[in-house]
Amino acid sequence: MEFTTVSYVVPFHSDVDRLSRTIDTLRANRTSRRIGEVLLCHNGRPLPANGLDTLSRRLDPGFERLLHTDDAGIGAGYRLGIASADCAHLVLSASDLPFGFSDLDAFVREQGRTPEPIPLAIGSKGHRDSRAGGRPLARKSASIAFYALRRALLGPLTPLDSQGTYLGRREVIASLAEECPANDYLFSLELATACTRRYGRRILELPVTLEQEAGPSSVSLLREAPTLLAGMLRIRRRRFGPGPKTELVPPA
């Protein structure tokens, strides 16, 4: 299926300074990567007036849109951007573009290799061809433990990496997002699980090059184990009840 244009959904909370570099990078690749728009999705407590003014002055109104939701969390930002996007495809990214454009480039390559549309793909550090060297040992250990827990509770179709960037057709992601109530990082796992449940197959994982990932993981299994476990149990109850699978049909 032909790739046309993509909306970049970039959730953020307070990292306005980092966004300037991200905006410049997206603008520089606007034509070559067919980026139709960038949705900067602020979530949580409103920005201070000076921060909002500074960011607003940086924006190209024909390319970037600044959106806000009072709901806090990366999932809330994703949901806002998904509902507001106009392009045929979406990239659910992060404010520092951790994979550069290796995730999008891999997605476009895969789109050209198959006549069937890809419902959802993930830029995955767990892919065997990904280059993610230099990651702190604590973060690697947390990723392995998180995968083991996901696989035990959500089954073998759970992706190796559920917290990478997500890419796919806008209408499919919007439909899946309606089934994903989490506002925090568990939104990504809900999205992946909803997709595997609906289509009965594993999400396509794409190789990526990790450009920046400094410091320890933001998800501490010890600190957040009760939240993780409770969230995954809720997902398990919602996703593994009876329900029809869907075959993805290319648009006419």
Protein backbone atom coordinates (compact mmCIF):
# COMPACT_ATOMS: atom_id res chain seq x y z
CA MET A 1 0.00 0.00 0.00
CA GLU A 2 1.37 3.41 -0.95
CA PHE A 3 2.58 5.71 1.81
CA THR A 4 1.28 9.26 1.42
CA THR A 5 1.67 11.78 4.25
CA VAL A 6 2.17 11.43 7.99
CA SER A 7 1.12 13.36 11.08
CA TYR A 8 3.72 13.40 13.85
CA VAL A 9 2.07 13.25 17.29
CA VAL A 10 4.53 14.57 19.89
CA PRO A 11 3.23 14.58 23.48
CA PHE A 12 5.02 16.70 26.06
CA HIS A 13 4.53 18.08 29.54
CA SER A 14 7.23 20.57 30.52
CA ASP A 15 10.17 19.94 28.16
CA VAL A 16 9.67 23.06 26.05
CA ASP A 17 13.40 23.65 25.47
CA ARG A 18 13.90 20.19 23.99
CA LEU A 19 10.97 20.74 21.64
CA SER A 20 12.84 23.50 19.79
CA ARG A 21 15.41 20.99 18.51
CA THR A 22 12.66 18.52 17.64
CA ILE A 23 10.70 21.13 15.70
CA ASP A 24 13.81 22.13 13.72
CA THR A 25 14.53 18.48 12.88
CA LEU A 26 10.97 17.82 11.72
CA ARG A 27 10.95 20.97 9.58
CA ALA A 28 14.24 19.98 7.93
CA ASN A 29 12.74 16.61 6.96
CA ARG A 30 9.29 17.89 6.06
CA THR A 31 9.55 17.27 2.32
CA SER A 32 11.87 14.25 2.16
CA ARG A 33 9.82 12.27 4.73
CA ARG A 34 6.41 13.56 3.59
CA ILE A 35 5.54 14.97 7.01
CA GLY A 36 2.23 16.73 6.59
CA GLU A 37 1.88 18.17 10.08
CA VAL A 38 3.31 18.11 13.59
CA LEU A 39 0.95 18.00 16.55
CA LEU A 40 2.56 19.18 19.78
CA CYS A 41 0.27 17.72 22.43
CA HIS A 42 0.74 19.32 25.83
CA ASN A 43 -0.83 17.32 28.64
CA GLY A 44 -1.39 18.12 32.29
CA ARG A 45 -1.19 21.44 34.11
CA PRO A 46 -1.30 24.34 31.59
CA LEU A 47 2.01 25.87 30.58
CA PRO A 48 3.01 29.16 32.23
CA ALA A 49 2.15 32.14 30.05
CA ASN A 50 5.80 32.89 29.24
CA GLY A 51 6.49 29.29 28.23
CA LEU A 52 3.36 29.19 26.09
CA ASP A 53 4.25 32.47 24.38
CA THR A 54 7.82 31.35 23.71
CA LEU A 55 6.67 28.12 22.14
CA SER A 56 3.86 29.71 20.15
CA ARG A 57 6.25 32.19 18.55
CA ARG A 58 8.41 29.27 17.33
CA LEU A 59 5.59 27.59 15.44
CA ASP A 60 4.81 27.60 11.75
CA PRO A 61 0.99 27.65 11.81
CA GLY A 62 0.85 25.89 8.46
CA PHE A 63 2.86 22.94 9.73
CA GLU A 64 2.80 22.76 13.54
CA ARG A 65 -0.18 22.85 15.87
CA LEU A 66 -0.05 23.30 19.63
CA LEU A 67 -2.76 21.34 21.42
CA HIS A 68 -3.60 20.97 25.12
CA THR A 69 -5.47 18.62 27.42
CA ASP A 70 -5.78 18.97 31.19
CA ASP A 71 -5.45 15.17 31.46
CA ALA A 72 -1.89 14.30 32.46
CA GLY A 73 0.20 11.56 30.90
CA ILE A 74 1.74 10.50 27.60
CA GLY A 75 -1.37 8.46 26.78
CA ALA A 76 -3.53 11.55 27.16
CA GLY A 77 -1.21 13.40 24.77
CA TYR A 78 -1.34 10.58 22.24
CA ARG A 79 -5.12 10.40 22.39
CA LEU A 80 -5.41 14.16 21.81
CA GLY A 81 -3.11 14.02 18.79
CA ILE A 82 -4.80 10.98 17.29
CA ALA A 83 -8.20 12.67 17.49
CA SER A 84 -6.83 15.88 15.90
CA ALA A 85 -4.66 14.46 13.10
CA ASP A 86 -5.47 14.98 9.43
CA CYS A 87 -2.91 12.88 7.51
CA ALA A 88 -3.38 9.33 6.25
CA HIS A 89 -0.69 7.90 8.56
CA LEU A 90 0.45 8.66 12.11
CA VAL A 91 3.69 8.45 14.03
CA LEU A 92 3.19 8.45 17.80
CA SER A 93 6.62 9.73 18.77
CA ALA A 94 8.32 11.44 21.71
CA SER A 95 9.52 14.96 22.35
CA ASP A 96 13.18 14.03 21.68
CA LEU A 97 12.64 11.85 18.55
CA PRO A 98 14.72 9.05 20.13
CA PHE A 99 14.95 7.03 16.90
CA GLY A 100 15.47 9.95 14.56
CA PHE A 101 13.65 8.84 11.42
CA SER A 102 14.82 5.22 11.39
CA ASP A 103 11.36 4.10 12.55
CA LEU A 104 9.51 6.02 9.82
CA ASP A 105 11.99 4.95 7.12
CA ALA A 106 11.54 1.29 8.11
CA PHE A 107 7.76 1.68 8.04
CA VAL A 108 7.80 3.20 4.54
CA ARG A 109 10.02 0.34 3.31
CA GLU A 110 7.62 -2.25 4.70
CA GLN A 111 4.63 -0.44 3.16
CA GLY A 112 6.25 -0.91 -0.24
CA ARG A 113 6.92 -4.62 0.26
CA THR A 114 3.38 -5.82 0.87
CA PRO A 115 0.11 -5.23 -0.97
CA GLU A 116 -1.74 -5.49 2.35
CA PRO A 117 -2.00 -2.41 4.59
CA ILE A 118 -0.15 -2.52 7.90
CA PRO A 119 -2.64 -1.84 10.72
CA LEU A 120 -0.01 -0.94 13.31
CA ALA A 121 3.77 -1.14 13.64
CA ILE A 122 6.20 -0.30 16.41
CA GLY A 123 9.72 1.07 16.26
CA SER A 124 11.21 -1.59 18.50
CA LYS A 125 14.48 -1.67 20.39
CA GLY A 126 13.81 -5.40 20.74
CA HIS A 127 14.15 -6.03 16.98
CA ARG A 128 17.25 -8.07 16.17
CA ASP A 129 18.43 -5.46 13.64
CA SER A 130 17.99 -2.47 15.95
CA ARG A 131 21.06 -0.52 17.00
CA ALA A 132 20.53 0.42 20.62
CA GLY A 133 24.02 0.18 22.06
CA GLY A 134 25.09 2.13 25.10
CA ARG A 135 21.84 1.66 26.99
CA PRO A 136 22.34 1.57 30.78
CA LEU A 137 22.26 -1.91 32.30
CA ALA A 138 19.39 -0.93 34.60
CA ARG A 139 17.28 0.06 31.60
CA LYS A 140 18.06 -3.16 29.73
CA SER A 141 17.18 -5.21 32.80
CA ALA A 142 13.91 -3.30 33.26
CA SER A 143 12.97 -3.88 29.61
CA ILE A 144 13.60 -7.64 29.88
CA ALA A 145 11.63 -7.92 33.10
CA PHE A 146 8.76 -5.84 31.70
CA TYR A 147 8.59 -8.08 28.62
CA ALA A 148 8.56 -11.25 30.73
CA LEU A 149 5.68 -9.87 32.79
CA ARG A 150 3.74 -8.79 29.67
CA ARG A 151 4.21 -12.17 28.03
CA ALA A 152 3.05 -14.02 31.15
CA LEU A 153 -0.11 -11.92 31.49
CA LEU A 154 -0.94 -10.92 27.90
CA GLY A 155 0.32 -13.89 25.91
CA PRO A 156 2.98 -14.61 23.28
CA LEU A 157 1.71 -12.00 20.80
CA THR A 158 2.80 -9.13 23.04
CA PRO A 159 5.61 -7.20 21.27
CA LEU A 160 9.19 -7.36 22.47
CA ASP A 161 9.10 -3.59 22.98
CA SER A 162 5.76 -2.00 23.85
CA GLN A 163 7.12 1.49 24.58
CA GLY A 164 8.61 2.43 21.22
CA THR A 165 7.09 4.71 18.61
CA TYR A 166 3.86 3.51 16.99
CA LEU A 167 3.14 3.94 13.29
CA GLY A 168 0.10 3.11 11.21
CA ARG A 169 -2.98 4.24 9.34
CA ARG A 170 -4.84 7.05 11.06
CA GLU A 171 -8.29 5.48 10.93
CA VAL A 172 -7.02 2.19 12.39
CA ILE A 173 -5.12 3.84 15.24
CA ALA A 174 -8.07 6.13 16.00
CA SER A 175 -10.38 3.12 16.18
CA LEU A 176 -8.00 1.21 18.46
CA ALA A 177 -7.48 4.26 20.69
CA GLU A 178 -11.18 4.31 21.50
CA GLU A 179 -10.59 1.05 23.38
CA CYS A 180 -7.59 2.35 25.35
CA PRO A 181 -8.57 4.40 28.43
CA ALA A 182 -5.13 4.66 30.08
CA ASN A 183 -3.59 8.14 30.22
CA ASP A 184 -0.11 7.03 31.29
CA TYR A 185 2.54 4.92 29.55
CA LEU A 186 0.23 1.88 29.69
CA PHE A 187 -1.70 3.47 26.80
CA SER A 188 0.97 2.11 24.43
CA LEU A 189 0.60 -1.41 25.78
CA GLU A 190 -3.19 -1.14 25.56
CA LEU A 191 -2.89 -0.03 21.94
CA ALA A 192 -0.63 -2.97 21.08
CA THR A 193 -2.85 -5.48 22.87
CA ALA A 194 -6.02 -4.12 21.28
CA CYS A 195 -4.41 -4.52 17.85
CA THR A 196 -3.22 -8.09 18.40
CA ARG A 197 -6.64 -9.02 19.77
CA ARG A 198 -8.50 -7.44 16.86
CA TYR A 199 -6.36 -8.81 14.03
CA GLY A 200 -5.20 -12.03 15.65
CA ARG A 201 -1.53 -11.55 14.84
CA ARG A 202 1.61 -9.96 16.20
CA ILE A 203 2.29 -6.28 15.57
CA LEU A 204 5.01 -5.62 13.02
CA GLU A 205 8.16 -4.60 14.91
CA LEU A 206 10.55 -2.36 12.99
CA PRO A 207 14.31 -1.99 13.45
CA VAL A 208 15.45 1.36 14.81
CA THR A 209 18.61 3.22 15.61
CA LEU A 210 18.53 4.63 19.11
CA GLU A 211 19.91 8.15 18.89
CA GLN A 212 19.49 9.24 22.50
CA GLU A 213 18.45 7.51 25.66
CA ALA A 214 20.29 8.88 28.67
CA GLY A 215 19.93 7.94 32.30
CA PRO A 216 17.86 5.29 34.03
CA SER A 217 14.47 4.13 32.85
CA SER A 218 11.56 6.37 33.75
CA VAL A 219 9.64 3.20 34.67
CA SER A 220 10.93 1.59 37.86
CA LEU A 221 9.60 -1.95 38.20
CA LEU A 222 10.14 -1.91 41.94
CA ARG A 223 8.47 1.45 42.49
CA GLU A 224 5.67 0.99 39.98
CA ALA A 225 5.15 -2.78 40.17
CA PRO A 226 1.68 -2.48 41.76
CA THR A 227 0.55 -0.01 39.08
CA LEU A 228 2.02 -2.11 36.27
CA LEU A 229 0.48 -5.31 37.56
CA ALA A 230 -2.95 -3.75 38.15
CA GLY A 231 -2.89 -2.12 34.71
CA MET A 232 -1.93 -5.30 32.91
CA LEU A 233 -4.57 -7.29 34.75
CA ARG A 234 -7.18 -4.73 33.60
CA ILE A 235 -5.93 -5.04 30.04
CA ARG A 236 -6.04 -8.83 30.28
CA ARG A 237 -9.64 -8.81 31.48
CA ARG A 238 -10.74 -6.41 28.72
CA ARG A 239 -8.84 -8.01 25.85
CA PHE A 240 -9.17 -11.72 26.36
CA GLY A 241 -12.90 -12.05 26.67
CA PRO A 242 -14.99 -13.28 23.73
CA GLY A 243 -15.00 -11.07 20.66
CA PRO A 244 -14.63 -11.24 16.88
CA LYS A 245 -11.33 -10.77 15.09
CA THR A 246 -11.12 -8.25 12.25
CA GLU A 247 -9.48 -8.71 8.86
CA LEU A 248 -7.86 -5.52 7.58
CA VAL A 249 -9.22 -4.70 4.13
CA PRO A 250 -7.45 -2.14 1.91
CA PRO A 251 -9.56 0.94 1.15
CA ALA A 252 -11.34 0.96 -2.20
